[in-house]
Amino acid sequence: MVCCGYNEDRVRKIITEGLAACRGGFPHIHLKDVETLESDFTRMKRWTTLVRRIIDDVWS
């Protein structure tokens, strides 16, 4: 996701694949690349909501 802009489909794919690989572990997920926000800080809340939803879908 590094410097690729904000693309929810891409976020969903990368996080889903990562969670599948970490099943049974304790992954740490954070948005390190703030350039992804492209100066739209509402995207941080949307990203957080999306990632939480993905975690629920993959691990429930």
Foldseek 3Di string as FASTA:
>chain_A
DALPAADLVVLLVVLLVVCVVQVPHDDDDDDPRCVNCVPPVVVVVVSVVSSVVSCVVNPD
